[in-house]
Amino acid sequence: MNKTKIEWCDSTWNPVTGCRHGCPYCYARSVAGRFGGRWDDSSYRSKGGDGGIHTIDDPLMRHTTGKNRDIGVHSVVAPFPFGFDPTFHRYRLEQPSKKAKGQTIFVCSMADLFGAWVPTRWIVEVLDTCRKVPQHRYLFLTKNPKRYIELEHMALLPHEDNFWFGSTVTNGEDYAAWMKDIGCHWFLSIEPLLGPVDLTAGSGPMPEWVIIGAETGNRKEKVRPEYEWVQSIVSDCVTFNVPVFMKDSMKTIWPSKLFREFPWDYACPVCHNMEHLPGSKFCMVCGTAFPLKGDGR
């Protein structure tokens, strides 16, 4: 588990790595390509995987050159021993329990834990681990939100307040249709923003939180979001009291102070409900009025 520069969480935890979505702008794939590989007993280096899925109970090693020239070549734990092949690092399940102070953890930032190729048993082991360490807040993201529904129908999706299930979208696809029946906290990550998104056009409910980010990196076909796209999203969120979080990548696009709001700051202080009447700051359950802690409004 590592500290992270991702602005909306404290740490990342990657018991599963690798993905098969093949997104052209994927930063995780480039990182795995840079640091992937492992050394076997005969010191043969394998740079990547074989296209399959892998489970390892103990860490594998790779050789690297130390920053200090006197150290020379030494062995370190291979973070991506099979490149970007889906890999379950079971030995990492113990990591959250070693942090006594509660943190907001982005689970599987280097994978899609809910991808169609991921064995259900992997997901169950990860979620069970989270349940056993309740002091943390766990955030998940997927491009395959229908997997949430499948797990919900199997009674495997946690409903505790410290679990937040997110869906990643990049344009106007109907994300909410998959989320309306799960009964859990859920949010939307619009990153990278590649086109207009109308939050009111979907067939499901509004998300409880929206994260907005622009594409980073130096990809030739890199898309710069238009101000009007962002303004439309923000307008919908303000209308329905949905907290908004803008990543640093939005600084050159959004001329005003970036929205930096968290949904847990919107919880009713009396009954802890997070739903509010559209256009107001009143709890839909008990009617309590309360101030919001978010920035930008």
C-alpha atoms as a PDB file:
ATOM      1  CA  MET A   1       0.000   0.000   0.000  1.00  0.00           C
ATOM      2  CA  ASN A   2       1.490   3.312  -1.068  1.00  0.00           C
ATOM      3  CA  LYS A   3       0.943   7.019  -0.591  1.00  0.00           C
ATOM      4  CA  THR A   4      -0.264   8.571  -3.793  1.00  0.00           C
ATOM      5  CA  LYS A   5      -0.380  11.826  -5.707  1.00  0.00           C
ATOM      6  CA  ILE A   6      -3.984  11.106  -6.705  1.00  0.00           C
ATOM      7  CA  GLU A   7      -5.736  14.061  -5.145  1.00  0.00           C
ATOM      8  CA  TRP A   8      -8.973  12.398  -4.027  1.00  0.00           C
ATOM      9  CA  CYS A   9      -7.487   9.622  -1.886  1.00  0.00           C
ATOM     10  CA  ASP A  10      -4.710   9.067   0.650  1.00  0.00           C
ATOM     11  CA  SER A  11      -3.266   5.790  -0.579  1.00  0.00           C
ATOM     12  CA  THR A  12      -3.480   3.194  -3.317  1.00  0.00           C
ATOM     13  CA  TRP A  13      -3.589  -0.540  -2.695  1.00  0.00           C
ATOM     14  CA  ASN A  14      -3.104  -3.015  -5.505  1.00  0.00           C
ATOM     15  CA  PRO A  15      -3.832  -6.630  -4.531  1.00  0.00           C
ATOM     16  CA  VAL A  16      -4.744  -7.067  -8.203  1.00  0.00           C
ATOM     17  CA  THR A  17      -2.859  -5.506 -11.123  1.00  0.00           C
ATOM     18  CA  GLY A  18      -3.354  -5.610 -14.878  1.00  0.00           C
ATOM     19  CA  CYS A  19      -6.215  -4.930 -17.228  1.00  0.00           C
ATOM     20  CA  ARG A  20      -7.576  -5.975 -20.632  1.00  0.00           C
ATOM     21  CA  HIS A  21      -9.602  -2.906 -21.594  1.00  0.00           C
ATOM     22  CA  GLY A  22      -6.822  -1.627 -23.853  1.00  0.00           C
ATOM     23  CA  CYS A  23      -7.517   2.095 -23.391  1.00  0.00           C
ATOM     24  CA  PRO A  24      -5.070   4.119 -25.541  1.00  0.00           C
ATOM     25  CA  TYR A  25      -4.564   6.732 -22.799  1.00  0.00           C
ATOM     26  CA  CYS A  26      -3.931   4.249 -19.943  1.00  0.00           C
ATOM     27  CA  TYR A  27      -1.177   5.431 -17.590  1.00  0.00           C
ATOM     28  CA  ALA A  28      -1.214   2.149 -15.653  1.00  0.00           C
ATOM     29  CA  ARG A  29      -0.175   0.128 -18.690  1.00  0.00           C
ATOM     30  CA  SER A  30       2.790   2.422 -19.321  1.00  0.00           C
ATOM     31  CA  VAL A  31       3.896   2.132 -15.683  1.00  0.00           C
ATOM     32  CA  ALA A  32       3.624  -1.656 -15.802  1.00  0.00           C
ATOM     33  CA  GLY A  33       5.614  -1.666 -19.018  1.00  0.00           C
ATOM     34  CA  ARG A  34       8.374   0.319 -17.377  1.00  0.00           C
ATOM     35  CA  PHE A  35       8.588  -1.662 -14.146  1.00  0.00           C
ATOM     36  CA  GLY A  36       7.297  -5.051 -15.309  1.00  0.00           C
ATOM     37  CA  GLY A  37       9.182  -8.328 -15.347  1.00  0.00           C
ATOM     38  CA  ARG A  38      10.660 -10.884 -12.973  1.00  0.00           C
ATOM     39  CA  TRP A  39      13.688 -13.127 -12.558  1.00  0.00           C
ATOM     40  CA  ASP A  40      13.380 -16.870 -12.190  1.00  0.00           C
ATOM     41  CA  ASP A  41      15.791 -19.202 -10.372  1.00  0.00           C
ATOM     42  CA  SER A  42      18.170 -19.244 -13.325  1.00  0.00           C
ATOM     43  CA  SER A  43      18.291 -15.424 -13.423  1.00  0.00           C
ATOM     44  CA  TYR A  44      16.340 -15.323 -16.660  1.00  0.00           C
ATOM     45  CA  ARG A  45      14.333 -12.164 -16.983  1.00  0.00           C
ATOM     46  CA  SER A  46      10.795 -12.400 -18.293  1.00  0.00           C
ATOM     47  CA  LYS A  47       9.621  -8.939 -19.296  1.00  0.00           C
ATOM     48  CA  GLY A  48       5.909  -9.608 -19.318  1.00  0.00           C
ATOM     49  CA  GLY A  49       3.165 -12.178 -19.167  1.00  0.00           C
ATOM     50  CA  ASP A  50       1.685 -14.657 -21.571  1.00  0.00           C
ATOM     51  CA  GLY A  51      -1.741 -13.073 -21.890  1.00  0.00           C
ATOM     52  CA  GLY A  52      -3.250 -15.202 -19.141  1.00  0.00           C
ATOM     53  CA  ILE A  53      -4.247 -14.486 -15.559  1.00  0.00           C
ATOM     54  CA  HIS A  54      -1.938 -15.204 -12.651  1.00  0.00           C
ATOM     55  CA  THR A  55      -2.119 -15.744  -8.894  1.00  0.00           C
ATOM     56  CA  ILE A  56       0.957 -15.440  -6.693  1.00  0.00           C
ATOM     57  CA  ASP A  57       0.976 -16.139  -2.951  1.00  0.00           C
ATOM     58  CA  ASP A  58       4.495 -14.823  -2.382  1.00  0.00           C
ATOM     59  CA  PRO A  59       6.294 -11.899  -4.013  1.00  0.00           C
ATOM     60  CA  LEU A  60       8.450 -12.499  -7.061  1.00  0.00           C
ATOM     61  CA  MET A  61      11.683 -10.595  -7.555  1.00  0.00           C
ATOM     62  CA  ARG A  62      13.302  -8.510 -10.233  1.00  0.00           C
ATOM     63  CA  HIS A  63      16.806  -7.070 -10.483  1.00  0.00           C
ATOM     64  CA  THR A  64      17.351  -3.355 -10.556  1.00  0.00           C
ATOM     65  CA  THR A  65      20.203  -0.881 -10.325  1.00  0.00           C
ATOM     66  CA  GLY A  66      20.414   1.145  -7.138  1.00  0.00           C
ATOM     67  CA  LYS A  67      20.576   4.931  -7.125  1.00  0.00           C
ATOM     68  CA  ASN A  68      23.879   4.648  -5.312  1.00  0.00           C
ATOM     69  CA  ARG A  69      26.460   3.225  -7.730  1.00  0.00           C
ATOM     70  CA  ASP A  70      28.176   1.411  -4.867  1.00  0.00           C
ATOM     71  CA  ILE A  71      25.060  -0.690  -4.336  1.00  0.00           C
ATOM     72  CA  GLY A  72      25.052  -1.982  -7.890  1.00  0.00           C
ATOM     73  CA  VAL A  73      22.454  -4.477  -9.049  1.00  0.00           C
ATOM     74  CA  HIS A  74      20.147  -5.823  -6.344  1.00  0.00           C
ATOM     75  CA  SER A  75      16.807  -7.588  -6.077  1.00  0.00           C
ATOM     76  CA  VAL A  76      13.491  -5.950  -5.253  1.00  0.00           C
ATOM     77  CA  VAL A  77       9.907  -7.171  -5.206  1.00  0.00           C
ATOM     78  CA  ALA A  78       8.546  -7.170  -8.743  1.00  0.00           C
ATOM     79  CA  PRO A  79       5.458  -4.899  -8.745  1.00  0.00           C
ATOM     80  CA  PHE A  80       4.263  -6.264 -12.106  1.00  0.00           C
ATOM     81  CA  PRO A  81       5.917  -9.663 -12.511  1.00  0.00           C
ATOM     82  CA  PHE A  82       3.678 -10.565 -15.456  1.00  0.00           C
ATOM     83  CA  GLY A  83       3.599  -7.132 -17.030  1.00  0.00           C
ATOM     84  CA  PHE A  84       0.027  -5.915 -17.437  1.00  0.00           C
ATOM     85  CA  ASP A  85      -1.506  -9.396 -17.379  1.00  0.00           C
ATOM     86  CA  PRO A  86      -4.231  -9.597 -14.687  1.00  0.00           C
ATOM     87  CA  THR A  87      -2.401 -10.752 -11.559  1.00  0.00           C
ATOM     88  CA  PHE A  88      -3.641 -11.452  -8.023  1.00  0.00           C
ATOM     89  CA  HIS A  89      -0.907 -10.632  -5.489  1.00  0.00           C
ATOM     90  CA  ARG A  90      -2.433 -12.503  -2.558  1.00  0.00           C
ATOM     91  CA  TYR A  91       0.448 -11.592  -0.249  1.00  0.00           C
ATOM     92  CA  ARG A  92      -0.669  -7.937  -0.438  1.00  0.00           C
ATOM     93  CA  LEU A  93      -3.986  -8.637   1.289  1.00  0.00           C
ATOM     94  CA  GLU A  94      -2.393  -8.011   4.681  1.00  0.00           C
ATOM     95  CA  GLN A  95      -1.318  -4.460   3.861  1.00  0.00           C
ATOM     96  CA  PRO A  96      -4.434  -2.481   4.984  1.00  0.00           C
ATOM     97  CA  SER A  97      -4.326  -4.080   8.439  1.00  0.00           C
ATOM     98  CA  LYS A  98      -0.868  -2.605   8.997  1.00  0.00           C
ATOM     99  CA  LYS A  99      -2.310   0.922   8.920  1.00  0.00           C
ATOM    100  CA  ALA A 100      -4.048   1.660  12.215  1.00  0.00           C
ATOM    101  CA  LYS A 101      -5.153   5.172  11.253  1.00  0.00           C
ATOM    102  CA  GLY A 102      -8.069   5.297   8.862  1.00  0.00           C
ATOM    103  CA  GLN A 103      -7.292   6.288   5.284  1.00  0.00           C
ATOM    104  CA  THR A 104      -9.198   6.791   2.055  1.00  0.00           C
ATOM    105  CA  ILE A 105      -7.846   4.012  -0.158  1.00  0.00           C
ATOM    106  CA  PHE A 106      -8.194   3.691  -3.922  1.00  0.00           C
ATOM    107  CA  VAL A 107      -8.342  -0.084  -4.375  1.00  0.00           C
ATOM    108  CA  CYS A 108      -6.671  -1.470  -7.505  1.00  0.00           C
ATOM    109  CA  SER A 109      -5.546   1.761  -9.124  1.00  0.00           C
ATOM    110  CA  MET A 110      -3.426  -0.403 -11.462  1.00  0.00           C
ATOM    111  CA  ALA A 111      -6.248  -2.728 -12.510  1.00  0.00           C
ATOM    112  CA  ASP A 112      -9.955  -3.050 -13.100  1.00  0.00           C
ATOM    113  CA  LEU A 113     -10.926  -5.320 -10.220  1.00  0.00           C
ATOM    114  CA  PHE A 114     -14.398  -5.741 -11.721  1.00  0.00           C
ATOM    115  CA  GLY A 115     -13.314  -6.458 -15.286  1.00  0.00           C
ATOM    116  CA  ALA A 116     -15.143  -9.334 -16.969  1.00  0.00           C
ATOM    117  CA  TRP A 117     -11.938 -11.420 -16.943  1.00  0.00           C
ATOM    118  CA  VAL A 118     -11.405 -11.194 -13.164  1.00  0.00           C
ATOM    119  CA  PRO A 119     -12.340 -14.393 -11.266  1.00  0.00           C
ATOM    120  CA  THR A 120     -15.085 -13.783  -8.722  1.00  0.00           C
ATOM    121  CA  ARG A 121     -12.965 -15.432  -6.046  1.00  0.00           C
ATOM    122  CA  TRP A 122     -10.349 -12.674  -6.420  1.00  0.00           C
ATOM    123  CA  ILE A 123     -12.984 -10.000  -5.879  1.00  0.00           C
ATOM    124  CA  VAL A 124     -14.439 -11.807  -2.871  1.00  0.00           C
ATOM    125  CA  GLU A 125     -11.034 -12.106  -1.201  1.00  0.00           C
ATOM    126  CA  VAL A 126     -10.336  -8.407  -1.697  1.00  0.00           C
ATOM    127  CA  LEU A 127     -13.758  -7.313  -0.409  1.00  0.00           C
ATOM    128  CA  ASP A 128     -13.534  -9.659   2.575  1.00  0.00           C
ATOM    129  CA  THR A 129     -10.171  -8.143   3.456  1.00  0.00           C
ATOM    130  CA  CYS A 130     -11.694  -4.658   3.341  1.00  0.00           C
ATOM    131  CA  ARG A 131     -14.500  -5.735   5.653  1.00  0.00           C
ATOM    132  CA  LYS A 132     -11.973  -7.024   8.183  1.00  0.00           C
ATOM    133  CA  VAL A 133     -10.203  -3.650   8.316  1.00  0.00           C
ATOM    134  CA  PRO A 134     -13.123  -1.216   8.754  1.00  0.00           C
ATOM    135  CA  GLN A 135     -11.154   1.856   9.804  1.00  0.00           C
ATOM    136  CA  HIS A 136     -10.443   2.684   6.156  1.00  0.00           C
ATOM    137  CA  ARG A 137     -12.683   4.078   3.436  1.00  0.00           C
ATOM    138  CA  TYR A 138     -12.423   1.983   0.248  1.00  0.00           C
ATOM    139  CA  LEU A 139     -12.971   3.432  -3.216  1.00  0.00           C
ATOM    140  CA  PHE A 140     -13.325   1.228  -6.303  1.00  0.00           C
ATOM    141  CA  LEU A 141     -13.477   2.135  -9.988  1.00  0.00           C
ATOM    142  CA  THR A 142     -14.485   0.070 -12.997  1.00  0.00           C
ATOM    143  CA  LYS A 143     -15.359   0.441 -16.660  1.00  0.00           C
ATOM    144  CA  ASN A 144     -17.569  -2.616 -16.276  1.00  0.00           C
ATOM    145  CA  PRO A 145     -20.270  -1.516 -13.773  1.00  0.00           C
ATOM    146  CA  LYS A 146     -22.586  -4.367 -14.723  1.00  0.00           C
ATOM    147  CA  ARG A 147     -20.230  -6.553 -12.658  1.00  0.00           C
ATOM    148  CA  TYR A 148     -21.477  -4.656  -9.605  1.00  0.00           C
ATOM    149  CA  ILE A 149     -25.005  -5.784 -10.449  1.00  0.00           C
ATOM    150  CA  GLU A 150     -23.894  -9.384 -10.866  1.00  0.00           C
ATOM    151  CA  LEU A 151     -22.199  -9.320  -7.462  1.00  0.00           C
ATOM    152  CA  GLU A 152     -25.207  -7.609  -5.890  1.00  0.00           C
ATOM    153  CA  HIS A 153     -27.484 -10.376  -7.162  1.00  0.00           C
ATOM    154  CA  MET A 154     -25.082 -12.872  -5.587  1.00  0.00           C
ATOM    155  CA  ALA A 155     -25.223 -10.948  -2.267  1.00  0.00           C
ATOM    156  CA  LEU A 156     -21.471 -10.311  -2.503  1.00  0.00           C
ATOM    157  CA  LEU A 157     -21.388  -6.513  -2.790  1.00  0.00           C
ATOM    158  CA  PRO A 158     -20.752  -4.742   0.553  1.00  0.00           C
ATOM    159  CA  HIS A 159     -23.249  -2.078   1.622  1.00  0.00           C
ATOM    160  CA  GLU A 160     -21.235  -0.612   4.488  1.00  0.00           C
ATOM    161  CA  ASP A 161     -20.778   3.173   4.553  1.00  0.00           C
ATOM    162  CA  ASN A 162     -17.010   2.924   4.043  1.00  0.00           C
ATOM    163  CA  PHE A 163     -17.385   1.242   0.630  1.00  0.00           C
ATOM    164  CA  TRP A 164     -17.736   3.479  -2.436  1.00  0.00           C
ATOM    165  CA  PHE A 165     -18.207   1.950  -5.876  1.00  0.00           C
ATOM    166  CA  GLY A 166     -17.336   4.082  -8.878  1.00  0.00           C
ATOM    167  CA  SER A 167     -17.899   3.897 -12.599  1.00  0.00           C
ATOM    168  CA  THR A 168     -15.471   5.442 -15.089  1.00  0.00           C
ATOM    169  CA  VAL A 169     -16.923   7.186 -18.131  1.00  0.00           C
ATOM    170  CA  THR A 170     -15.314   9.484 -20.667  1.00  0.00           C
ATOM    171  CA  ASN A 171     -18.305  10.822 -22.613  1.00  0.00           C
ATOM    172  CA  GLY A 172     -22.094  10.577 -22.682  1.00  0.00           C
ATOM    173  CA  GLU A 173     -22.668   6.838 -22.269  1.00  0.00           C
ATOM    174  CA  ASP A 174     -25.526   5.749 -19.987  1.00  0.00           C
ATOM    175  CA  TYR A 175     -23.590   4.913 -16.844  1.00  0.00           C
ATOM    176  CA  ALA A 176     -26.438   5.187 -14.334  1.00  0.00           C
ATOM    177  CA  ALA A 177     -28.532   2.337 -15.709  1.00  0.00           C
ATOM    178  CA  TRP A 178     -26.087  -0.110 -14.179  1.00  0.00           C
ATOM    179  CA  MET A 179     -25.982   1.638 -10.798  1.00  0.00           C
ATOM    180  CA  LYS A 180     -29.638   2.173  -9.939  1.00  0.00           C
ATOM    181  CA  ASP A 181     -30.199  -1.187  -8.243  1.00  0.00           C
ATOM    182  CA  ILE A 182     -27.051  -1.769  -6.216  1.00  0.00           C
ATOM    183  CA  GLY A 183     -28.127   0.111  -3.069  1.00  0.00           C
ATOM    184  CA  CYS A 184     -24.550   1.131  -2.229  1.00  0.00           C
ATOM    185  CA  HIS A 185     -22.618   4.368  -2.217  1.00  0.00           C
ATOM    186  CA  TRP A 186     -21.562   5.071  -5.781  1.00  0.00           C
ATOM    187  CA  PHE A 187     -19.757   7.771  -7.697  1.00  0.00           C
ATOM    188  CA  LEU A 188     -18.701   8.728 -11.180  1.00  0.00           C
ATOM    189  CA  SER A 189     -15.171   9.361 -12.422  1.00  0.00           C
ATOM    190  CA  ILE A 190     -15.207  11.329 -15.665  1.00  0.00           C
ATOM    191  CA  GLU A 191     -11.535  10.959 -16.510  1.00  0.00           C
ATOM    192  CA  PRO A 192     -10.269  11.558 -19.020  1.00  0.00           C
ATOM    193  CA  LEU A 193     -13.102  13.804 -20.137  1.00  0.00           C
ATOM    194  CA  LEU A 194     -13.307  13.176 -23.887  1.00  0.00           C
ATOM    195  CA  GLY A 195     -16.677  14.668 -24.767  1.00  0.00           C
ATOM    196  CA  PRO A 196     -19.933  16.157 -23.433  1.00  0.00           C
ATOM    197  CA  VAL A 197     -21.597  14.353 -20.514  1.00  0.00           C
ATOM    198  CA  ASP A 198     -25.237  15.021 -19.596  1.00  0.00           C
ATOM    199  CA  LEU A 199     -25.741  13.705 -16.079  1.00  0.00           C
ATOM    200  CA  THR A 200     -29.512  14.112 -16.360  1.00  0.00           C
ATOM    201  CA  ALA A 201     -29.881  12.046 -19.538  1.00  0.00           C
ATOM    202  CA  GLY A 202     -29.295   8.626 -17.989  1.00  0.00           C
ATOM    203  CA  SER A 203     -31.980   6.143 -17.028  1.00  0.00           C
ATOM    204  CA  GLY A 204     -30.827   5.838 -13.429  1.00  0.00           C
ATOM    205  CA  PRO A 205     -30.208   8.052 -10.383  1.00  0.00           C
ATOM    206  CA  MET A 206     -27.678  10.832 -10.016  1.00  0.00           C
ATOM    207  CA  PRO A 207     -24.321   9.752  -8.587  1.00  0.00           C
ATOM    208  CA  GLU A 208     -23.381  10.697  -5.028  1.00  0.00           C
ATOM    209  CA  TRP A 209     -20.076  12.181  -6.177  1.00  0.00           C
ATOM    210  CA  VAL A 210     -18.474  13.237  -9.463  1.00  0.00           C
ATOM    211  CA  ILE A 211     -14.747  13.414 -10.175  1.00  0.00           C
ATOM    212  CA  ILE A 212     -13.605  15.311 -13.273  1.00  0.00           C
ATOM    213  CA  GLY A 213     -10.161  15.041 -14.830  1.00  0.00           C
ATOM    214  CA  ALA A 214      -8.479  15.809 -18.139  1.00  0.00           C
ATOM    215  CA  GLU A 215      -6.233  13.466 -20.084  1.00  0.00           C
ATOM    216  CA  THR A 216      -2.579  13.760 -19.109  1.00  0.00           C
ATOM    217  CA  GLY A 217       0.570  12.554 -20.817  1.00  0.00           C
ATOM    218  CA  ASN A 218       1.875  13.225 -24.303  1.00  0.00           C
ATOM    219  CA  ARG A 219      -0.327  11.039 -26.480  1.00  0.00           C
ATOM    220  CA  LYS A 220      -0.498  12.418 -30.021  1.00  0.00           C
ATOM    221  CA  GLU A 221      -4.308  12.218 -30.081  1.00  0.00           C
ATOM    222  CA  LYS A 222      -4.637  13.702 -26.589  1.00  0.00           C
ATOM    223  CA  VAL A 223      -8.021  15.366 -26.040  1.00  0.00           C
ATOM    224  CA  ARG A 224      -8.282  18.722 -24.296  1.00  0.00           C
ATOM    225  CA  PRO A 225     -11.733  19.106 -22.694  1.00  0.00           C
ATOM    226  CA  GLU A 226     -13.813  22.081 -23.718  1.00  0.00           C
ATOM    227  CA  TYR A 227     -14.917  24.505 -21.027  1.00  0.00           C
ATOM    228  CA  GLU A 228     -18.563  24.014 -22.009  1.00  0.00           C
ATOM    229  CA  TRP A 229     -18.318  20.274 -21.308  1.00  0.00           C
ATOM    230  CA  VAL A 230     -17.100  20.966 -17.796  1.00  0.00           C
ATOM    231  CA  GLN A 231     -19.604  23.746 -17.169  1.00  0.00           C
ATOM    232  CA  SER A 232     -22.486  21.445 -18.101  1.00  0.00           C
ATOM    233  CA  ILE A 233     -21.352  18.764 -15.653  1.00  0.00           C
ATOM    234  CA  VAL A 234     -20.852  21.279 -12.856  1.00  0.00           C
ATOM    235  CA  SER A 235     -24.259  22.849 -13.509  1.00  0.00           C
ATOM    236  CA  ASP A 236     -25.998  19.473 -13.203  1.00  0.00           C
ATOM    237  CA  CYS A 237     -24.105  18.701  -9.997  1.00  0.00           C
ATOM    238  CA  VAL A 238     -24.944  22.057  -8.419  1.00  0.00           C
ATOM    239  CA  THR A 239     -28.622  21.642  -9.317  1.00  0.00           C
ATOM    240  CA  PHE A 240     -28.828  18.223  -7.665  1.00  0.00           C
ATOM    241  CA  ASN A 241     -26.405  18.913  -4.789  1.00  0.00           C
ATOM    242  CA  VAL A 242     -23.881  16.386  -6.041  1.00  0.00           C
ATOM    243  CA  PRO A 243     -20.369  17.108  -4.718  1.00  0.00           C
ATOM    244  CA  VAL A 244     -17.735  17.690  -7.392  1.00  0.00           C
ATOM    245  CA  PHE A 245     -13.999  17.057  -7.275  1.00  0.00           C
ATOM    246  CA  MET A 246     -11.783  18.528  -9.977  1.00  0.00           C
ATOM    247  CA  LYS A 247      -8.312  17.096 -10.404  1.00  0.00           C
ATOM    248  CA  ASP A 248      -5.261  19.295 -10.910  1.00  0.00           C
ATOM    249  CA  SER A 249      -5.387  18.506 -14.625  1.00  0.00           C
ATOM    250  CA  MET A 250      -8.407  20.834 -14.841  1.00  0.00           C
ATOM    251  CA  LYS A 251      -6.491  23.965 -13.810  1.00  0.00           C
ATOM    252  CA  THR A 252      -5.887  25.106 -17.384  1.00  0.00           C
ATOM    253  CA  ILE A 253      -9.514  24.475 -18.360  1.00  0.00           C
ATOM    254  CA  TRP A 254     -11.523  25.724 -15.380  1.00  0.00           C
ATOM    255  CA  PRO A 255     -10.670  29.412 -14.782  1.00  0.00           C
ATOM    256  CA  SER A 256     -12.148  29.641 -11.284  1.00  0.00           C
ATOM    257  CA  LYS A 257     -11.214  27.897  -8.070  1.00  0.00           C
ATOM    258  CA  LEU A 258     -11.323  24.136  -8.542  1.00  0.00           C
ATOM    259  CA  PHE A 259     -14.167  22.283  -6.884  1.00  0.00           C
ATOM    260  CA  ARG A 260     -12.660  20.032  -4.196  1.00  0.00           C
ATOM    261  CA  GLU A 261     -15.681  18.421  -2.547  1.00  0.00           C
ATOM    262  CA  PHE A 262     -16.049  15.031  -0.871  1.00  0.00           C
ATOM    263  CA  PRO A 263     -19.387  13.245  -0.417  1.00  0.00           C
ATOM    264  CA  TRP A 264     -18.714  12.258   3.186  1.00  0.00           C
ATOM    265  CA  ASP A 265     -18.711  16.003   3.976  1.00  0.00           C
ATOM    266  CA  TYR A 266     -22.339  16.023   2.784  1.00  0.00           C
ATOM    267  CA  ALA A 267     -23.597  13.499   5.328  1.00  0.00           C
ATOM    268  CA  CYS A 268     -26.494  14.634   7.505  1.00  0.00           C
ATOM    269  CA  PRO A 269     -25.124  15.266  11.025  1.00  0.00           C
ATOM    270  CA  VAL A 270     -28.285  13.820  12.574  1.00  0.00           C
ATOM    271  CA  CYS A 271     -29.099  10.624  10.651  1.00  0.00           C
ATOM    272  CA  HIS A 272     -25.955  10.402   8.441  1.00  0.00           C
ATOM    273  CA  ASN A 273     -28.021  10.092   5.267  1.00  0.00           C
ATOM    274  CA  MET A 274     -26.285  11.426   2.137  1.00  0.00           C
ATOM    275  CA  GLU A 275     -29.331  12.197  -0.015  1.00  0.00           C
ATOM    276  CA  HIS A 276     -30.657  15.737  -0.292  1.00  0.00           C
ATOM    277  CA  LEU A 277     -33.612  17.474  -1.857  1.00  0.00           C
ATOM    278  CA  PRO A 278     -32.655  18.789  -5.329  1.00  0.00           C
ATOM    279  CA  GLY A 279     -31.639  22.438  -5.146  1.00  0.00           C
ATOM    280  CA  SER A 280     -31.486  22.464  -1.337  1.00  0.00           C
ATOM    281  CA  LYS A 281     -29.306  21.364   1.534  1.00  0.00           C
ATOM    282  CA  PHE A 282     -31.924  19.478   3.496  1.00  0.00           C
ATOM    283  CA  CYS A 283     -31.784  15.808   4.424  1.00  0.00           C
ATOM    284  CA  MET A 284     -34.407  13.771   2.564  1.00  0.00           C
ATOM    285  CA  VAL A 285     -34.833  11.454   5.562  1.00  0.00           C
ATOM    286  CA  CYS A 286     -35.101  13.707   8.616  1.00  0.00           C
ATOM    287  CA  GLY A 287     -35.329  17.178   7.035  1.00  0.00           C
ATOM    288  CA  THR A 288     -32.334  18.584   8.878  1.00  0.00           C
ATOM    289  CA  ALA A 289     -30.710  21.649   7.316  1.00  0.00           C
ATOM    290  CA  PHE A 290     -26.942  21.747   7.493  1.00  0.00           C
ATOM    291  CA  PRO A 291     -23.970  23.607   5.961  1.00  0.00           C
ATOM    292  CA  LEU A 292     -21.795  21.913   3.367  1.00  0.00           C
ATOM    293  CA  LYS A 293     -18.030  21.744   3.778  1.00  0.00           C
ATOM    294  CA  GLY A 294     -17.103  21.570   0.103  1.00  0.00           C
ATOM    295  CA  ASP A 295     -15.093  24.154  -1.793  1.00  0.00           C
ATOM    296  CA  GLY A 296     -16.188  26.182  -4.792  1.00  0.00           C
ATOM    297  CA  ARG A 297     -19.868  26.950  -3.994  1.00  0.00           C
END
